[in-house]
Structure formats: C-alpha cells, structure tokens
Protein backbone atom coordinates (compact mmCIF):
# COMPACT_ATOMS: atom_id res chain seq x y z
CA MET A 1 105.65 112.62 92.06
CA SER A 2 107.79 110.14 93.99
CA GLU A 3 111.42 109.70 92.64
CA ILE A 4 111.39 105.89 93.26
CA VAL A 5 111.74 102.90 90.99
CA SER A 6 111.67 99.30 92.13
CA LEU A 7 112.21 95.75 90.85
CA GLU A 8 109.43 93.36 91.75
CA LEU A 9 108.43 89.73 91.31
CA LEU A 10 104.95 88.82 90.12
CA PHE A 11 103.13 85.60 90.78
CA ASP A 12 101.33 82.79 88.96
CA ASP A 13 97.70 83.42 88.14
CA LEU A 14 96.25 81.33 90.99
CA THR A 15 98.43 82.99 93.63
CA GLU A 16 97.57 86.51 92.27
CA ALA A 17 93.85 85.68 92.40
CA ARG A 18 94.17 84.48 96.04
CA ILE A 19 95.94 87.71 97.11
CA TRP A 20 93.28 89.74 95.28
CA ASP A 21 90.68 87.83 97.29
CA GLU A 22 92.44 88.85 100.46
CA TRP A 23 92.59 92.45 99.38
CA ARG A 24 88.83 92.24 98.62
CA VAL A 25 88.03 90.86 102.02
CA LEU A 26 89.75 93.88 103.65
CA GLN A 27 87.91 96.27 101.39
CA GLU A 28 84.56 94.71 102.21
CA LEU A 29 85.49 95.00 105.87
CA GLY A 30 85.93 98.72 105.38
CA VAL A 31 89.58 98.86 106.35
CA SER A 32 92.75 99.76 104.54
CA SER A 33 93.40 97.49 101.56
CA MET A 34 95.81 97.36 98.59
CA GLY A 35 92.62 96.55 96.59
CA ALA A 36 91.52 100.14 96.87
CA HIS A 37 94.12 101.17 94.32
CA THR A 38 92.51 100.89 90.94
CA SER A 39 95.54 101.42 88.71
CA ALA A 40 96.01 98.66 86.08
CA SER A 41 99.60 98.30 87.33
CA ASN A 42 98.41 97.50 90.91
CA ARG A 43 99.18 93.78 91.26
CA PRO A 44 100.30 91.57 94.13
CA HIS A 45 104.12 91.52 94.13
CA LEU A 46 107.28 90.95 96.05
CA SER A 47 109.78 93.94 95.98
CA LEU A 48 113.36 92.89 95.47
CA LEU A 49 114.90 96.38 95.28
CA VAL A 50 113.55 99.88 95.91
CA ARG A 51 115.62 102.78 94.76
CA SER A 52 115.12 106.40 95.78
CA GLY A 53 116.59 109.69 94.53
CA VAL A 54 116.26 108.72 90.88
CA ALA A 55 116.21 111.73 88.54
CA PRO A 56 112.65 112.83 87.81
CA VAL A 57 111.17 112.70 84.30
CA ASP A 58 108.59 114.80 82.50
CA ALA A 59 105.51 112.70 83.20
CA ALA A 60 103.24 115.08 81.40
CA GLY A 61 105.28 114.83 78.23
CA LEU A 62 105.63 111.13 78.36
CA ASN A 63 101.95 110.57 78.99
CA ALA A 64 100.76 113.07 76.33
CA GLY A 65 97.75 111.60 74.53
CA ALA A 66 97.23 108.79 77.05
CA GLY A 67 93.89 108.47 78.79
CA ALA A 68 93.36 108.91 82.49
CA GLY A 69 94.56 105.91 84.47
CA ALA A 70 96.46 104.60 81.45
CA ALA A 71 99.34 103.15 83.55
CA ALA A 72 99.98 99.66 82.31
CA GLU A 73 102.62 97.14 81.41
CA SER A 74 104.90 98.65 78.68
CA GLU A 75 108.27 98.17 77.16
CA PRO A 76 111.00 99.99 79.13
CA ASP A 77 112.73 103.02 77.68
CA ALA A 78 116.16 103.03 79.37
CA VAL A 79 116.45 106.82 78.80
CA THR A 80 113.34 107.71 80.68
CA VAL A 81 113.29 104.74 83.10
CA HIS A 82 116.60 104.09 84.90
CA PRO A 83 119.32 102.31 82.89
CA PRO A 84 120.95 100.29 85.69
CA LEU A 85 117.67 98.53 86.43
CA VAL A 86 116.85 97.58 82.86
CA SER A 87 120.30 96.35 81.88
CA ALA A 88 120.85 93.06 80.07
CA GLN A 89 122.62 91.82 83.26
CA VAL A 90 119.54 92.43 85.42
CA ARG A 91 117.31 90.83 82.78
CA ARG A 92 119.60 87.72 82.84
CA ALA A 93 118.93 87.30 86.56
CA SER A 94 115.38 86.49 85.66
CA GLY A 95 116.67 83.24 84.26
CA ARG A 96 116.09 81.88 87.80
CA LEU A 97 112.36 82.20 87.23
CA PRO A 98 109.92 80.58 87.71
CA LEU A 99 110.92 80.27 91.39
CA ALA A 100 108.93 78.40 94.02
CA VAL A 101 108.07 80.71 96.95
CA THR A 102 105.90 80.17 100.05
CA LEU A 103 103.62 82.96 101.36
CA GLY A 104 103.10 82.51 105.09
CA ALA A 105 101.99 84.14 108.29
CA PRO A 106 101.01 87.79 108.59
CA LEU A 107 103.61 90.46 109.21
CA LEU A 108 103.08 93.91 110.72
CA PHE A 109 105.31 96.98 110.18
CA ARG A 110 104.09 99.66 112.54
CA HIS A 111 104.32 103.37 112.14
CA GLY A 112 102.44 105.39 114.74
CA GLY A 113 98.81 104.38 115.02
CA ARG A 114 98.86 102.50 111.72
CA ALA A 115 100.80 99.69 110.12
CA VAL A 116 101.61 97.88 106.96
CA LEU A 117 99.89 94.43 106.99
CA ALA A 118 101.62 91.88 104.84
CA ARG A 119 102.06 88.20 104.19
CA SER A 120 105.57 86.98 105.07
CA VAL A 121 107.49 85.11 102.31
CA LEU A 122 109.76 82.28 103.28
CA PRO A 123 113.40 83.41 102.66
CA THR A 124 114.58 80.30 100.85
CA SER A 125 118.13 80.00 99.50
CA GLY A 126 116.78 80.35 95.98
CA LEU A 127 114.95 83.57 96.76
CA LEU A 128 117.85 85.09 98.67
CA ASP A 129 120.29 84.20 95.88
CA LEU A 130 118.03 85.93 93.32
CA HIS A 131 117.69 88.95 95.62
CA ALA A 132 121.46 89.22 96.08
CA GLU A 133 122.10 88.81 92.32
CA VAL A 134 119.67 91.52 91.41
CA HIS A 135 121.34 93.97 93.85
CA ALA A 136 124.76 93.09 92.67
CA LEU A 137 123.87 93.67 89.07
CA SER A 138 121.92 96.83 89.59
CA GLU A 139 124.64 99.43 89.52
CA THR A 140 124.02 102.45 91.68
CA VAL A 141 124.38 105.95 90.33
CA SER A 142 125.05 109.30 91.87
CA ALA A 143 122.28 110.71 94.13
CA ALA A 144 120.31 107.44 93.91
CA SER A 145 120.26 105.00 96.79
CA ASP A 146 118.56 101.70 97.59
CA LEU A 147 116.25 101.79 100.62
CA PRO A 148 118.10 100.00 103.48
CA HIS A 149 115.29 97.64 104.33
CA THR A 150 115.45 96.20 100.79
CA THR A 151 119.20 95.50 100.70
CA PRO A 152 120.75 92.00 101.29
CA GLY A 153 121.06 91.16 104.98
CA ASN A 154 118.33 93.70 105.86
CA TRP A 155 115.47 92.44 103.71
CA THR A 156 112.19 91.01 105.01
CA PRO A 157 110.45 89.56 101.96
CA HIS A 158 106.71 90.13 102.01
CA VAL A 159 103.61 90.73 99.97
CA THR A 160 101.62 93.79 101.13
CA LEU A 161 97.88 93.43 101.91
CA ALA A 162 97.30 96.93 103.38
CA ARG A 163 99.58 99.99 103.68
CA ARG A 164 97.85 102.08 106.27
CA LEU A 165 95.84 99.76 108.51
CA LYS A 166 94.66 101.34 111.74
CA LEU A 167 95.88 99.36 114.70
CA ALA A 168 92.39 99.48 115.98
CA ASP A 169 91.30 97.52 112.92
CA LEU A 170 93.97 94.85 113.18
CA GLU A 171 92.07 92.27 115.18
CA ARG A 172 89.06 92.48 112.78
CA ALA A 173 91.28 92.25 109.70
CA LEU A 174 93.14 89.20 110.89
CA SER A 175 89.94 87.47 111.96
CA ALA A 176 88.38 88.05 108.51
CA LEU A 177 91.38 86.70 106.61
CA GLU A 178 92.15 83.00 106.11
CA LEU A 179 95.91 83.19 105.91
CA GLU A 180 96.80 79.61 105.12
CA PRO A 181 100.22 79.18 103.46
CA ILE A 182 100.24 79.62 99.68
CA GLU A 183 102.70 77.61 97.62
CA ALA A 184 103.35 80.07 94.85
CA GLN A 185 105.47 80.57 91.80
CA ALA A 186 107.33 83.84 91.08
CA THR A 187 107.02 84.00 87.35
CA GLU A 188 107.81 87.51 86.20
CA LEU A 189 110.27 90.35 86.97
CA ARG A 190 109.01 93.98 86.38
CA LEU A 191 110.21 97.43 87.04
CA TRP A 192 107.71 99.80 88.75
CA ASP A 193 108.41 103.49 87.98
CA ALA A 194 106.61 105.65 90.56
CA ARG A 195 107.77 108.86 88.80
CA ILE A 196 105.38 108.25 85.96
CA GLY A 197 103.09 105.60 87.42
CA THR A 198 103.99 102.81 84.96
CA SER A 199 105.37 99.31 85.12
CA HIS A 200 107.67 97.57 82.65
CA GLN A 201 107.94 93.83 82.22
CA LEU A 202 111.61 92.75 82.15
CA ALA A 203 111.06 88.97 82.03
C-alpha cells in the first residue's frame, strides 16, 4: 500500500459532472481513463499537496467489518491519518473557499510510451495564495516529504483525465474530447489517504 497522503480541492456539482463526462468519453473510446476507477472516493480533484514517506497504518485493522470497496468520505482520525494535514490551521485555510478556478487546455506529462492527460487549471493569485498557505501550515515530519512537483514554485495545477494514456491513443483521445474552458468553483478541501484507500473531508 502506498505511503502517500494528499490534500485536494473538490469542485461544484456541475463541474464534477462535466469532468465525469470527459472520463466517460475516454472509457467509451477504450483508452486510459480516470473513470475506470470505481472507488466511491474517486472524484475529479485538484491536488494541492502530495506527501510521501508517511508512516504506514494497519489497514486491515482499521477496515475490519467494512465491506469490499467501502472507501468513502469519513471523519479524519488524526492518529491514523497524519496530524500535520488535519490540523486546525490547515482547516482554517479552507476559509478561502469557495474559490473561482478556470479549467483550460489539455496538459500532457509524459513517461515513456505513456502519459498523464489532464486539464490545466489557470494559476490565479487566489489559487496560488491558497496553495502556498496550505504548504506553509502543513508542518513536515521526519521521514515524510512533499513531492517536489507539488511545492510552491514548482506546481502545475491540473485535473487528471487519464493516468496511463498510450501516446498512440493521444490523437484519438483529444479528438473525442470537447475541452472548452470550464468556469468552476473549488468548494471543498479533503485529505486522501492512499495507505488505507479513504478520503476525509476537512471543509
């Protein structure tokens, strides 16, 4: 199980539905798509911070009695989650929400013969200020580190459409999608805990 936790922004209902439609288009095309992930916690989001090297937890013990695929929104337990990311200070940063954001042109992050396909998000001053505040308030701990591409000055805000798109499928994917700009609202802040496959709403 991955030792990663992240802080993410979720969107208004209309924007979420439009991104789900784009995921569905890619699925129906038979190419990589975020829509292929059936977990209840799989929602369109914008990652503000991704932290690796977080101490593992006993997922089997925590999930005892839960049904298969039971990952869902839940109240954070600071002992099992990661205290620096569920602090009162981090929660207060969500006072900037709702925040207007614009989802724009496609982005491609290549790795070998595949790529992450995403929608760019316009880096407005409001979004950059929120991003910087979240990082400033999220105290780091020994052995844990924030992934460099998510830190202030290195961050490219985006919403992922596909994680492992074959480059050979790129032209078909872009032709099938109608990637008009989306004027969205970031409305919620959540913590995603990859160690146990659950998300926790913070605001």
